[in-house]
N, C-alpha and C. Protein backbone atom coordinates (compact mmCIF):
# COMPACT_ATOMS: atom_id res chain seq x y z
N MET A 1 -6.19 -8.16 -40.51
CA MET A 1 -5.48 -7.94 -39.31
C MET A 1 -4.81 -9.21 -38.92
N SER A 2 -4.93 -10.21 -39.70
CA SER A 2 -4.23 -11.60 -39.23
C SER A 2 -2.78 -11.70 -39.79
N SER A 3 -2.29 -10.59 -40.36
CA SER A 3 -0.83 -10.41 -40.79
C SER A 3 0.10 -10.59 -39.75
N PRO A 4 1.09 -11.55 -39.86
CA PRO A 4 2.03 -11.82 -38.82
C PRO A 4 2.84 -10.58 -38.35
N GLU A 5 3.05 -9.67 -39.31
CA GLU A 5 3.96 -8.50 -39.16
C GLU A 5 3.11 -7.52 -38.15
N VAL A 6 1.66 -7.61 -38.38
CA VAL A 6 0.79 -6.65 -37.44
C VAL A 6 0.94 -7.09 -36.07
N TRP A 7 0.70 -8.54 -35.87
CA TRP A 7 0.77 -9.12 -34.65
C TRP A 7 1.92 -8.98 -33.74
N ARG A 8 3.06 -8.88 -34.49
CA ARG A 8 4.28 -8.74 -33.78
C ARG A 8 4.27 -7.34 -33.02
N TRP A 9 3.78 -6.34 -33.72
CA TRP A 9 3.85 -5.03 -33.16
C TRP A 9 2.63 -4.97 -32.10
N ILE A 10 1.60 -5.64 -32.38
CA ILE A 10 0.48 -5.72 -31.21
C ILE A 10 0.91 -6.22 -30.04
N TRP A 11 1.62 -7.41 -30.13
CA TRP A 11 2.18 -8.19 -28.81
C TRP A 11 3.25 -7.23 -28.31
N LEU A 12 4.12 -6.81 -28.96
CA LEU A 12 5.17 -5.88 -28.46
C LEU A 12 4.64 -4.63 -27.66
N VAL A 13 3.56 -3.89 -28.33
CA VAL A 13 2.99 -2.83 -27.58
C VAL A 13 2.19 -3.27 -26.31
N ALA A 14 1.51 -4.49 -26.49
CA ALA A 14 0.89 -4.93 -25.36
C ALA A 14 1.77 -5.32 -24.20
N THR A 15 3.01 -5.85 -24.50
CA THR A 15 4.03 -6.21 -23.40
C THR A 15 4.44 -4.68 -22.87
N ALA A 16 4.72 -3.79 -23.58
CA ALA A 16 5.08 -2.53 -22.85
C ALA A 16 4.06 -1.85 -22.19
N VAL A 17 2.83 -2.05 -22.59
CA VAL A 17 1.68 -1.39 -21.89
C VAL A 17 1.53 -2.06 -20.56
N PHE A 18 1.51 -3.54 -20.53
CA PHE A 18 1.29 -4.18 -19.34
C PHE A 18 2.48 -3.89 -18.43
N ALA A 19 3.57 -4.08 -18.90
CA ALA A 19 4.79 -3.78 -18.09
C ALA A 19 4.90 -2.33 -17.35
N GLY A 20 4.62 -1.35 -18.42
CA GLY A 20 4.51 0.00 -17.82
C GLY A 20 3.47 0.23 -16.83
N GLY A 21 2.37 -0.37 -17.08
CA GLY A 21 1.15 -0.27 -16.15
C GLY A 21 1.56 -0.81 -14.89
N GLU A 22 2.07 -1.93 -14.73
CA GLU A 22 2.55 -2.46 -13.50
C GLU A 22 3.54 -1.69 -12.78
N MET A 23 4.38 -1.01 -13.50
CA MET A 23 5.24 0.02 -12.73
C MET A 23 4.55 1.25 -12.18
N LEU A 24 3.47 1.80 -13.01
CA LEU A 24 2.91 2.95 -12.61
C LEU A 24 1.74 2.76 -11.68
N VAL A 25 1.14 1.72 -11.60
CA VAL A 25 -0.16 1.53 -10.98
C VAL A 25 0.25 0.85 -9.61
N ALA A 26 -0.33 1.32 -8.47
CA ALA A 26 -0.10 0.66 -7.08
C ALA A 26 -0.85 -0.66 -7.14
N GLY A 27 -0.16 -1.60 -6.62
CA GLY A 27 -0.70 -2.89 -6.54
C GLY A 27 0.44 -4.04 -6.47
N SER A 28 -0.05 -5.20 -6.45
CA SER A 28 0.89 -6.31 -6.23
C SER A 28 0.91 -7.17 -7.37
N PHE A 29 1.59 -7.02 -8.40
CA PHE A 29 1.77 -7.85 -9.49
C PHE A 29 0.55 -8.16 -10.09
N PHE A 30 -0.28 -7.33 -10.32
CA PHE A 30 -1.68 -7.63 -11.17
C PHE A 30 -1.52 -7.53 -12.65
N LEU A 31 -0.69 -6.58 -13.19
CA LEU A 31 -0.48 -6.61 -14.63
C LEU A 31 0.81 -7.30 -15.03
N ALA A 32 1.71 -7.55 -14.04
CA ALA A 32 3.04 -8.33 -14.52
C ALA A 32 2.75 -9.54 -15.27
N PRO A 33 1.80 -10.50 -14.83
CA PRO A 33 1.49 -11.67 -15.49
C PRO A 33 1.07 -11.52 -16.92
N PHE A 34 0.34 -10.55 -17.32
CA PHE A 34 -0.07 -10.19 -18.60
C PHE A 34 1.19 -9.76 -19.41
N ALA A 35 1.98 -9.02 -18.76
CA ALA A 35 3.23 -8.69 -19.56
C ALA A 35 4.17 -9.81 -19.94
N VAL A 36 4.28 -10.84 -18.93
CA VAL A 36 4.93 -11.92 -19.22
C VAL A 36 4.11 -12.78 -20.44
N GLY A 37 2.98 -12.93 -20.33
CA GLY A 37 2.23 -13.61 -21.48
C GLY A 37 2.36 -13.00 -22.75
N ALA A 38 2.29 -11.53 -22.76
CA ALA A 38 2.47 -10.83 -24.02
C ALA A 38 3.84 -11.01 -24.52
N ALA A 39 4.85 -10.91 -23.60
CA ALA A 39 6.09 -11.09 -23.98
C ALA A 39 6.47 -12.49 -24.82
N MET A 40 5.86 -13.41 -24.17
CA MET A 40 5.98 -14.89 -24.87
C MET A 40 5.22 -14.83 -26.12
N ALA A 41 4.17 -14.25 -26.22
CA ALA A 41 3.40 -14.08 -27.55
C ALA A 41 4.27 -13.34 -28.58
N THR A 42 4.96 -12.31 -28.02
CA THR A 42 5.76 -11.58 -29.00
C THR A 42 6.89 -12.44 -29.60
N VAL A 43 7.60 -13.29 -28.77
CA VAL A 43 8.59 -14.05 -29.18
C VAL A 43 8.10 -15.10 -30.24
N LEU A 44 6.79 -15.58 -30.06
CA LEU A 44 6.31 -16.56 -30.79
C LEU A 44 5.97 -15.88 -32.24
N ALA A 45 5.47 -14.67 -32.12
CA ALA A 45 5.07 -13.80 -33.40
C ALA A 45 6.39 -13.64 -34.13
N MET A 46 7.35 -13.20 -33.52
CA MET A 46 8.74 -13.07 -34.13
C MET A 46 9.23 -14.25 -34.87
N LEU A 47 8.94 -15.36 -34.47
CA LEU A 47 9.29 -16.68 -34.91
C LEU A 47 8.50 -16.88 -36.04
N GLY A 48 7.39 -16.38 -36.26
CA GLY A 48 6.38 -16.45 -37.41
C GLY A 48 5.47 -17.68 -37.15
N LEU A 49 5.04 -18.03 -35.93
CA LEU A 49 4.16 -18.98 -35.65
C LEU A 49 2.65 -18.73 -35.84
N ASP A 50 1.69 -19.51 -35.88
CA ASP A 50 0.54 -19.11 -36.07
C ASP A 50 -0.31 -18.39 -35.05
N LEU A 51 -1.30 -17.41 -35.28
CA LEU A 51 -1.82 -16.63 -34.37
C LEU A 51 -2.37 -17.25 -33.17
N TRP A 52 -3.23 -18.43 -33.51
CA TRP A 52 -3.78 -19.11 -32.56
C TRP A 52 -2.66 -19.75 -31.39
N LEU A 53 -1.33 -20.06 -31.93
CA LEU A 53 -0.53 -20.46 -30.93
C LEU A 53 0.02 -19.32 -29.94
N GLU A 54 0.06 -18.08 -30.58
CA GLU A 54 0.46 -16.82 -29.91
C GLU A 54 -0.64 -16.51 -28.81
N TRP A 55 -1.88 -16.67 -29.19
CA TRP A 55 -2.93 -16.44 -28.17
C TRP A 55 -2.91 -17.44 -27.08
N ALA A 56 -2.50 -18.78 -27.54
CA ALA A 56 -2.63 -19.80 -26.34
C ALA A 56 -1.52 -19.65 -25.42
N ALA A 57 -0.15 -19.05 -25.93
CA ALA A 57 0.88 -18.67 -25.24
C ALA A 57 0.54 -17.65 -24.31
N PHE A 58 -0.08 -16.63 -24.79
CA PHE A 58 -0.42 -15.65 -24.03
C PHE A 58 -1.26 -15.79 -22.80
N VAL A 59 -2.42 -16.66 -23.07
CA VAL A 59 -3.19 -17.07 -22.09
C VAL A 59 -2.53 -17.94 -20.99
N GLY A 60 -1.80 -19.03 -21.49
CA GLY A 60 -1.06 -19.88 -20.75
C GLY A 60 -0.08 -19.34 -19.83
N PHE A 61 0.75 -18.50 -20.51
CA PHE A 61 1.91 -17.99 -19.68
C PHE A 61 1.18 -16.87 -18.74
N SER A 62 0.27 -16.10 -19.06
CA SER A 62 -0.33 -15.32 -18.21
C SER A 62 -0.93 -15.86 -17.02
N ALA A 63 -1.69 -16.97 -17.18
CA ALA A 63 -2.27 -17.73 -16.02
C ALA A 63 -1.18 -18.21 -15.20
N SER A 64 -0.10 -18.86 -15.80
CA SER A 64 0.90 -19.40 -14.86
C SER A 64 1.73 -18.46 -14.16
N ALA A 65 1.99 -17.30 -14.73
CA ALA A 65 2.75 -16.31 -14.11
C ALA A 65 1.84 -15.73 -13.00
N PHE A 66 0.47 -15.61 -13.07
CA PHE A 66 -0.41 -15.10 -12.11
C PHE A 66 -0.38 -15.88 -10.95
N VAL A 67 -0.47 -17.40 -11.32
CA VAL A 67 -0.64 -18.23 -10.17
C VAL A 67 0.85 -18.25 -9.36
N SER A 68 1.72 -18.24 -10.07
CA SER A 68 3.19 -18.12 -9.38
C SER A 68 3.60 -16.89 -8.72
N MET A 69 2.87 -15.83 -9.12
CA MET A 69 3.22 -14.59 -8.30
C MET A 69 2.23 -14.25 -7.19
N ARG A 70 1.12 -14.98 -7.15
CA ARG A 70 0.27 -14.62 -5.95
C ARG A 70 0.75 -14.90 -4.63
N PRO A 71 1.56 -15.91 -4.44
CA PRO A 71 2.23 -16.11 -3.03
C PRO A 71 3.07 -14.96 -2.73
N LEU A 72 4.00 -14.44 -3.59
CA LEU A 72 4.77 -13.41 -3.35
C LEU A 72 4.01 -12.03 -3.14
N ALA A 73 2.92 -11.84 -3.91
CA ALA A 73 2.14 -10.71 -3.66
C ALA A 73 1.39 -10.69 -2.41
N ARG A 74 0.90 -11.87 -1.89
CA ARG A 74 0.30 -11.97 -0.57
C ARG A 74 1.30 -11.66 0.54
N ARG A 75 2.58 -12.23 0.40
CA ARG A 75 3.51 -11.92 1.47
C ARG A 75 3.89 -10.54 1.49
N LEU A 76 4.02 -9.86 0.29
CA LEU A 76 4.45 -8.51 0.33
C LEU A 76 3.27 -7.57 0.87
N ASP A 77 2.00 -7.93 0.60
CA ASP A 77 0.90 -7.18 1.15
C ASP A 77 0.67 -7.39 2.58
N ARG A 78 1.13 -8.54 3.10
CA ARG A 78 1.03 -8.79 4.60
C ARG A 78 2.28 -8.12 5.34
N GLU A 79 3.30 -7.91 4.71
CA GLU A 79 4.50 -7.27 5.29
C GLU A 79 4.58 -5.93 5.33
N THR A 80 3.74 -5.30 4.42
CA THR A 80 3.81 -3.89 4.33
C THR A 80 2.97 -3.24 5.24
N PRO A 81 3.62 -2.32 6.14
CA PRO A 81 2.78 -1.73 7.28
C PRO A 81 1.72 -0.83 6.60
N GLN A 82 0.59 -1.02 7.36
CA GLN A 82 -0.73 -0.32 6.99
C GLN A 82 -0.72 1.02 7.87
N LEU A 83 -0.06 2.14 7.21
CA LEU A 83 -0.14 3.30 7.93
C LEU A 83 -1.40 3.96 7.72
N GLY A 84 -1.87 4.72 8.76
CA GLY A 84 -3.00 5.52 8.73
C GLY A 84 -2.81 6.82 7.84
N ILE A 85 -3.90 7.35 7.42
CA ILE A 85 -3.79 8.34 6.41
C ILE A 85 -4.39 9.66 7.21
N GLY A 86 -3.80 10.75 6.91
CA GLY A 86 -4.12 11.86 7.59
C GLY A 86 -3.87 11.99 8.98
N SER A 87 -4.70 12.45 9.90
CA SER A 87 -4.52 12.51 11.31
C SER A 87 -4.48 11.03 12.01
N LYS A 88 -5.13 10.12 11.21
CA LYS A 88 -5.12 8.72 11.73
C LYS A 88 -3.81 8.11 11.87
N ARG A 89 -2.79 8.56 11.21
CA ARG A 89 -1.44 8.01 11.30
C ARG A 89 -0.77 8.23 12.74
N LEU A 90 -1.60 9.23 13.52
CA LEU A 90 -1.05 9.39 14.84
C LEU A 90 -1.34 8.18 15.75
N VAL A 91 -2.34 7.51 15.56
CA VAL A 91 -2.74 6.42 16.21
C VAL A 91 -1.70 5.39 16.56
N GLY A 92 -1.32 5.10 17.89
CA GLY A 92 -0.20 4.31 18.13
C GLY A 92 1.15 4.88 18.38
N GLN A 93 1.22 6.17 18.08
CA GLN A 93 2.44 7.02 18.15
C GLN A 93 2.62 7.43 19.68
N THR A 94 3.85 7.51 20.10
CA THR A 94 4.16 8.14 21.49
C THR A 94 4.23 9.64 21.36
N ALA A 95 3.93 10.27 22.42
CA ALA A 95 3.85 11.81 22.41
C ALA A 95 4.40 12.16 23.90
N THR A 96 4.69 13.31 23.97
CA THR A 96 5.21 13.97 25.30
C THR A 96 4.14 15.09 25.72
N VAL A 97 3.69 14.99 26.88
CA VAL A 97 2.67 16.07 27.47
C VAL A 97 3.65 17.34 27.62
N LEU A 98 2.98 18.37 26.91
CA LEU A 98 3.49 19.68 26.95
C LEU A 98 2.95 20.49 28.19
N GLU A 99 1.54 20.42 28.15
CA GLU A 99 0.70 21.13 29.14
C GLU A 99 0.00 20.03 29.86
N PRO A 100 -0.11 20.02 31.15
CA PRO A 100 -0.81 18.96 31.78
C PRO A 100 -2.17 18.76 31.43
N ILE A 101 -2.67 17.46 31.39
CA ILE A 101 -4.00 16.99 30.91
C ILE A 101 -4.78 16.89 32.23
N PRO A 102 -5.69 17.84 32.41
CA PRO A 102 -6.43 17.90 33.81
C PRO A 102 -7.41 16.70 33.81
N GLU A 103 -8.12 16.43 34.91
CA GLU A 103 -9.05 15.26 34.97
C GLU A 103 -10.32 15.52 34.39
N ASP A 104 -11.21 14.63 34.39
CA ASP A 104 -12.48 14.76 33.84
C ASP A 104 -12.57 15.16 32.25
N HIS A 105 -11.66 14.79 31.56
CA HIS A 105 -11.55 14.70 30.13
C HIS A 105 -11.49 16.15 29.62
N ARG A 106 -10.88 17.03 30.31
CA ARG A 106 -10.56 18.27 29.78
C ARG A 106 -9.27 18.18 29.10
N LEU A 107 -8.98 19.16 28.31
CA LEU A 107 -7.88 19.25 27.45
C LEU A 107 -6.53 19.73 27.89
N GLY A 108 -5.48 19.13 27.52
CA GLY A 108 -4.03 19.54 27.82
C GLY A 108 -3.45 19.66 26.24
N LEU A 109 -2.25 19.72 26.19
CA LEU A 109 -1.49 19.73 25.10
C LEU A 109 -0.37 18.58 24.92
N VAL A 110 -0.12 17.98 23.93
CA VAL A 110 0.87 16.92 23.67
C VAL A 110 1.59 17.35 22.38
N GLN A 111 2.88 16.75 22.42
CA GLN A 111 3.67 16.91 21.09
C GLN A 111 3.87 15.42 20.51
N VAL A 112 3.32 15.38 19.32
CA VAL A 112 3.66 14.07 18.62
C VAL A 112 4.51 14.36 17.45
N ASP A 113 5.83 13.82 17.41
CA ASP A 113 6.80 14.36 16.58
C ASP A 113 7.18 15.75 16.66
N ARG A 114 6.69 16.58 15.56
CA ARG A 114 6.80 17.80 15.67
C ARG A 114 5.61 18.71 15.77
N GLU A 115 4.56 17.75 15.81
CA GLU A 115 3.13 18.54 15.87
C GLU A 115 2.70 18.54 17.38
N GLU A 116 1.95 19.71 17.64
CA GLU A 116 1.38 19.85 18.86
C GLU A 116 -0.15 19.64 18.64
N TRP A 117 -0.82 18.82 19.58
CA TRP A 117 -2.07 18.51 19.51
C TRP A 117 -2.85 18.73 20.83
N ARG A 118 -4.10 19.21 20.88
CA ARG A 118 -4.82 19.16 22.12
C ARG A 118 -5.07 17.76 22.46
N ALA A 119 -5.15 17.36 23.73
CA ALA A 119 -5.27 15.88 24.14
C ALA A 119 -6.04 15.81 25.47
N GLN A 120 -6.77 14.67 25.50
CA GLN A 120 -7.52 14.42 26.79
C GLN A 120 -7.18 13.01 27.13
N SER A 121 -7.23 12.80 28.32
CA SER A 121 -6.96 11.52 29.00
C SER A 121 -7.98 10.42 28.58
N ALA A 122 -7.58 9.32 28.26
CA ALA A 122 -8.48 8.21 27.86
C ALA A 122 -9.46 7.76 29.11
N ASP A 123 -8.74 7.74 30.38
CA ASP A 123 -9.51 7.30 31.39
C ASP A 123 -9.87 8.37 32.49
N GLY A 124 -9.73 9.65 31.97
CA GLY A 124 -10.21 10.83 32.82
C GLY A 124 -9.30 11.09 33.96
N GLN A 125 -8.10 10.42 34.03
CA GLN A 125 -7.18 10.83 35.04
C GLN A 125 -6.17 11.95 34.56
N PRO A 126 -5.77 12.62 35.44
CA PRO A 126 -4.88 13.82 35.07
C PRO A 126 -3.49 13.18 34.76
N ILE A 127 -2.82 13.95 33.73
CA ILE A 127 -1.53 13.40 33.36
C ILE A 127 -0.56 14.67 33.25
N ALA A 128 0.37 14.50 34.01
CA ALA A 128 1.42 15.60 34.34
C ALA A 128 2.31 15.99 33.14
N ALA A 129 2.75 17.21 32.98
CA ALA A 129 3.65 17.70 31.99
C ALA A 129 4.89 16.81 31.87
N GLY A 130 5.54 16.50 30.68
CA GLY A 130 6.76 15.75 30.69
C GLY A 130 6.43 14.17 30.55
N THR A 131 5.08 13.87 30.78
CA THR A 131 4.87 12.24 30.86
C THR A 131 4.84 11.79 29.40
N ARG A 132 5.48 10.71 29.10
CA ARG A 132 5.20 9.95 27.73
C ARG A 132 3.70 9.34 27.71
N VAL A 133 3.05 9.55 26.66
CA VAL A 133 1.89 8.93 26.42
C VAL A 133 1.80 8.31 24.90
N MET A 134 0.75 7.51 24.87
CA MET A 134 0.50 6.91 23.55
C MET A 134 -0.81 7.41 23.08
N VAL A 135 -1.07 7.67 21.75
CA VAL A 135 -2.23 8.19 21.22
C VAL A 135 -3.04 6.80 20.93
N LEU A 136 -4.16 7.02 21.44
CA LEU A 136 -5.19 5.71 21.22
C LEU A 136 -6.20 6.11 19.95
N GLU A 137 -6.63 7.33 19.94
CA GLU A 137 -7.52 7.74 18.77
C GLU A 137 -7.47 9.17 18.54
N VAL A 138 -8.00 9.58 17.36
CA VAL A 138 -8.03 10.95 17.12
C VAL A 138 -9.57 11.29 16.84
N GLN A 139 -10.05 12.34 17.71
CA GLN A 139 -11.35 12.78 17.70
C GLN A 139 -11.31 14.18 17.01
N GLY A 140 -11.51 14.44 15.90
CA GLY A 140 -11.47 15.71 15.40
C GLY A 140 -10.18 16.29 15.35
N THR A 141 -10.06 17.41 16.21
CA THR A 141 -8.86 18.21 16.33
C THR A 141 -8.11 17.81 17.64
N ARG A 142 -8.50 16.82 18.15
CA ARG A 142 -7.87 16.40 19.49
C ARG A 142 -7.44 14.86 19.52
N VAL A 143 -6.52 14.53 20.32
CA VAL A 143 -6.19 13.11 20.44
C VAL A 143 -6.44 12.62 21.84
N VAL A 144 -6.80 11.32 21.92
CA VAL A 144 -7.07 10.61 23.07
C VAL A 144 -5.89 9.81 23.48
N VAL A 145 -5.25 10.13 24.71
CA VAL A 145 -4.13 9.37 25.13
C VAL A 145 -4.01 8.62 26.34
N ALA A 146 -3.20 7.76 26.45
CA ALA A 146 -2.93 7.10 27.73
C ALA A 146 -1.45 7.11 28.13
N SER A 147 -1.26 7.20 29.49
CA SER A 147 0.07 7.31 29.89
C SER A 147 0.93 6.03 29.75
N LEU A 148 2.19 6.18 29.45
CA LEU A 148 3.12 5.06 29.23
C LEU A 148 3.88 4.97 30.54
N ASP A 149 4.09 5.98 31.23
CA ASP A 149 4.90 6.25 32.36
C ASP A 149 4.20 5.50 33.60
N PRO A 150 4.76 4.80 34.45
CA PRO A 150 3.91 4.19 35.63
C PRO A 150 3.70 5.32 36.64
């Protein structure tokens, strides 16, 4: 298996697998450095250099690409909004009260985007219909809201 012709194909396939995996798997540049290293090893294999040089290039270029891509990956992760999943995506959204929310944590009705949710007041105070509110949390099938209008 130390045939130069075989290693040309191994490095080429490794490059394609790492690059394809980077595009298919969610994440921030985890497989891309290995694709860079494998691409450099492919070039060296095509030039007919020794296998140990190909491996050294793979390890060296992969490590340096990994180190150089980390700051970009961190910045992209930091700038990506962390949206909630499922009903948790409602937290922080504004809503309009459709049916008044009575006092003492009884339920009224609010509309968040196009969805209607049973709602209770966070502080137990009544909230009139038409008032703009913010969703503070989701408790099962109801939301806890606070008034945005003075």
